[in-house]
């Protein structure tokens, strides 16, 4: 099986949950944090990109796909981000 998930070179891993890894990439000028979520053993989509503004995830296609297919992982991501000390 091909591993479609790539660890971002500019990222910092902030959480792990089984085959899932959450990476912080950078903060934008408008206060959003760029994030990448990897599903390391996915047979289809392994990379999910979205932002976080300190309260909620951005409304992107990847977030929609995540909520639709893995709602428990989306809740885990939000929980970890709220617990983290990311500078917003």
C-alpha atoms as a PDB file:
ATOM      1  CA  UNK A   1       0.000   0.000   0.000  1.00  0.00           C
ATOM      2  CA  UNK A   2       1.336   3.398  -0.964  1.00  0.00           C
ATOM      3  CA  UNK A   3       1.691   5.903   1.893  1.00  0.00           C
ATOM      4  CA  UNK A   4       0.014   9.050   0.576  1.00  0.00           C
ATOM      5  CA  UNK A   5       0.599  11.058   3.742  1.00  0.00           C
ATOM      6  CA  UNK A   6       3.659  13.282   3.722  1.00  0.00           C
ATOM      7  CA  UNK A   7       5.096  14.896   6.820  1.00  0.00           C
ATOM      8  CA  UNK A   8       5.377  18.651   6.190  1.00  0.00           C
ATOM      9  CA  UNK A   9       9.003  19.810   6.236  1.00  0.00           C
ATOM     10  CA  UNK A  10       7.990  23.153   7.706  1.00  0.00           C
ATOM     11  CA  UNK A  11       5.683  21.626  10.328  1.00  0.00           C
ATOM     12  CA  UNK A  12       5.807  20.873  14.023  1.00  0.00           C
ATOM     13  CA  UNK A  13       3.918  17.811  15.237  1.00  0.00           C
ATOM     14  CA  UNK A  14       1.532  18.783  18.022  1.00  0.00           C
ATOM     15  CA  UNK A  15      -0.543  15.612  18.550  1.00  0.00           C
ATOM     16  CA  UNK A  16      -0.758  11.903  17.681  1.00  0.00           C
ATOM     17  CA  UNK A  17      -3.778   9.592  17.803  1.00  0.00           C
ATOM     18  CA  UNK A  18      -3.002   6.140  16.387  1.00  0.00           C
ATOM     19  CA  UNK A  19      -2.386   6.577  12.634  1.00  0.00           C
ATOM     20  CA  UNK A  20      -3.313  10.281  12.810  1.00  0.00           C
ATOM     21  CA  UNK A  21      -0.759  13.073  13.252  1.00  0.00           C
ATOM     22  CA  UNK A  22      -1.567  16.777  13.588  1.00  0.00           C
ATOM     23  CA  UNK A  23       0.996  19.343  12.455  1.00  0.00           C
ATOM     24  CA  UNK A  24       1.226  23.093  13.040  1.00  0.00           C
ATOM     25  CA  UNK A  25       2.633  24.837   9.959  1.00  0.00           C
ATOM     26  CA  UNK A  26       2.499  28.606  10.442  1.00  0.00           C
ATOM     27  CA  UNK A  27       0.392  31.530  11.615  1.00  0.00           C
ATOM     28  CA  UNK A  28      -1.164  33.827   9.020  1.00  0.00           C
ATOM     29  CA  UNK A  29      -1.304  37.614   9.258  1.00  0.00           C
ATOM     30  CA  UNK A  30      -5.031  37.506  10.032  1.00  0.00           C
ATOM     31  CA  UNK A  31      -4.548  35.251  13.077  1.00  0.00           C
ATOM     32  CA  UNK A  32      -5.352  31.839  11.641  1.00  0.00           C
ATOM     33  CA  UNK A  33      -2.994  28.922  12.216  1.00  0.00           C
ATOM     34  CA  UNK A  34      -2.297  26.657   9.234  1.00  0.00           C
ATOM     35  CA  UNK A  35      -2.570  22.952  10.071  1.00  0.00           C
ATOM     36  CA  UNK A  36      -2.075  19.625   8.368  1.00  0.00           C
ATOM     37  CA  UNK A  37      -3.629  16.381   9.572  1.00  0.00           C
ATOM     38  CA  UNK A  38      -2.092  13.144   8.304  1.00  0.00           C
ATOM     39  CA  UNK A  39      -3.774   9.763   8.179  1.00  0.00           C
ATOM     40  CA  UNK A  40      -0.658   7.666   7.730  1.00  0.00           C
ATOM     41  CA  UNK A  41      -2.260   4.386   6.623  1.00  0.00           C
ATOM     42  CA  UNK A  42      -5.109   5.748   4.554  1.00  0.00           C
ATOM     43  CA  UNK A  43      -6.040   3.855   1.403  1.00  0.00           C
ATOM     44  CA  UNK A  44      -7.489   7.017  -0.117  1.00  0.00           C
ATOM     45  CA  UNK A  45      -7.155  10.542   1.309  1.00  0.00           C
ATOM     46  CA  UNK A  46      -4.251  10.907   3.727  1.00  0.00           C
ATOM     47  CA  UNK A  47      -3.789  14.681   3.932  1.00  0.00           C
ATOM     48  CA  UNK A  48      -6.252  17.152   5.415  1.00  0.00           C
ATOM     49  CA  UNK A  49      -5.509  20.891   5.377  1.00  0.00           C
ATOM     50  CA  UNK A  50      -7.362  23.508   7.401  1.00  0.00           C
ATOM     51  CA  UNK A  51      -6.915  26.497   9.670  1.00  0.00           C
ATOM     52  CA  UNK A  52      -7.748  27.256  13.286  1.00  0.00           C
ATOM     53  CA  UNK A  53      -8.519  30.699  14.719  1.00  0.00           C
ATOM     54  CA  UNK A  54      -8.464  29.841  18.415  1.00  0.00           C
ATOM     55  CA  UNK A  55     -12.150  28.911  18.499  1.00  0.00           C
ATOM     56  CA  UNK A  56     -12.985  26.831  15.459  1.00  0.00           C
ATOM     57  CA  UNK A  57     -11.607  25.099  12.381  1.00  0.00           C
ATOM     58  CA  UNK A  58     -11.889  26.818   9.026  1.00  0.00           C
ATOM     59  CA  UNK A  59     -14.702  25.796   6.705  1.00  0.00           C
ATOM     60  CA  UNK A  60     -12.715  24.030   4.002  1.00  0.00           C
ATOM     61  CA  UNK A  61     -13.440  21.076   1.758  1.00  0.00           C
ATOM     62  CA  UNK A  62     -10.926  18.992   3.726  1.00  0.00           C
ATOM     63  CA  UNK A  63     -12.641  19.783   7.025  1.00  0.00           C
ATOM     64  CA  UNK A  64     -15.992  18.824   5.506  1.00  0.00           C
ATOM     65  CA  UNK A  65     -14.541  15.506   4.303  1.00  0.00           C
ATOM     66  CA  UNK A  66     -13.031  14.877   7.732  1.00  0.00           C
ATOM     67  CA  UNK A  67     -16.313  15.602   9.557  1.00  0.00           C
ATOM     68  CA  UNK A  68     -18.227  13.410   7.116  1.00  0.00           C
ATOM     69  CA  UNK A  69     -15.897  10.402   7.253  1.00  0.00           C
ATOM     70  CA  UNK A  70     -14.197  10.720  10.671  1.00  0.00           C
ATOM     71  CA  UNK A  71     -16.279  12.932  13.006  1.00  0.00           C
ATOM     72  CA  UNK A  72     -14.504  11.581  16.086  1.00  0.00           C
ATOM     73  CA  UNK A  73     -11.130  12.634  14.671  1.00  0.00           C
ATOM     74  CA  UNK A  74     -12.441  16.144  13.946  1.00  0.00           C
ATOM     75  CA  UNK A  75     -13.553  16.403  17.592  1.00  0.00           C
ATOM     76  CA  UNK A  76     -10.124  15.126  18.717  1.00  0.00           C
ATOM     77  CA  UNK A  77      -8.385  17.765  16.569  1.00  0.00           C
ATOM     78  CA  UNK A  78     -10.468  20.603  18.035  1.00  0.00           C
ATOM     79  CA  UNK A  79      -9.893  19.307  21.582  1.00  0.00           C
ATOM     80  CA  UNK A  80      -6.130  19.113  21.072  1.00  0.00           C
ATOM     81  CA  UNK A  81      -6.014  22.583  19.547  1.00  0.00           C
ATOM     82  CA  UNK A  82      -8.005  24.101  22.410  1.00  0.00           C
ATOM     83  CA  UNK A  83      -5.675  22.386  24.906  1.00  0.00           C
ATOM     84  CA  UNK A  84      -2.526  23.439  23.068  1.00  0.00           C
ATOM     85  CA  UNK A  85      -0.551  26.560  23.727  1.00  0.00           C
ATOM     86  CA  UNK A  86      -0.368  27.680  20.099  1.00  0.00           C
ATOM     87  CA  UNK A  87       0.241  31.398  19.919  1.00  0.00           C
ATOM     88  CA  UNK A  88      -2.788  32.932  18.254  1.00  0.00           C
END
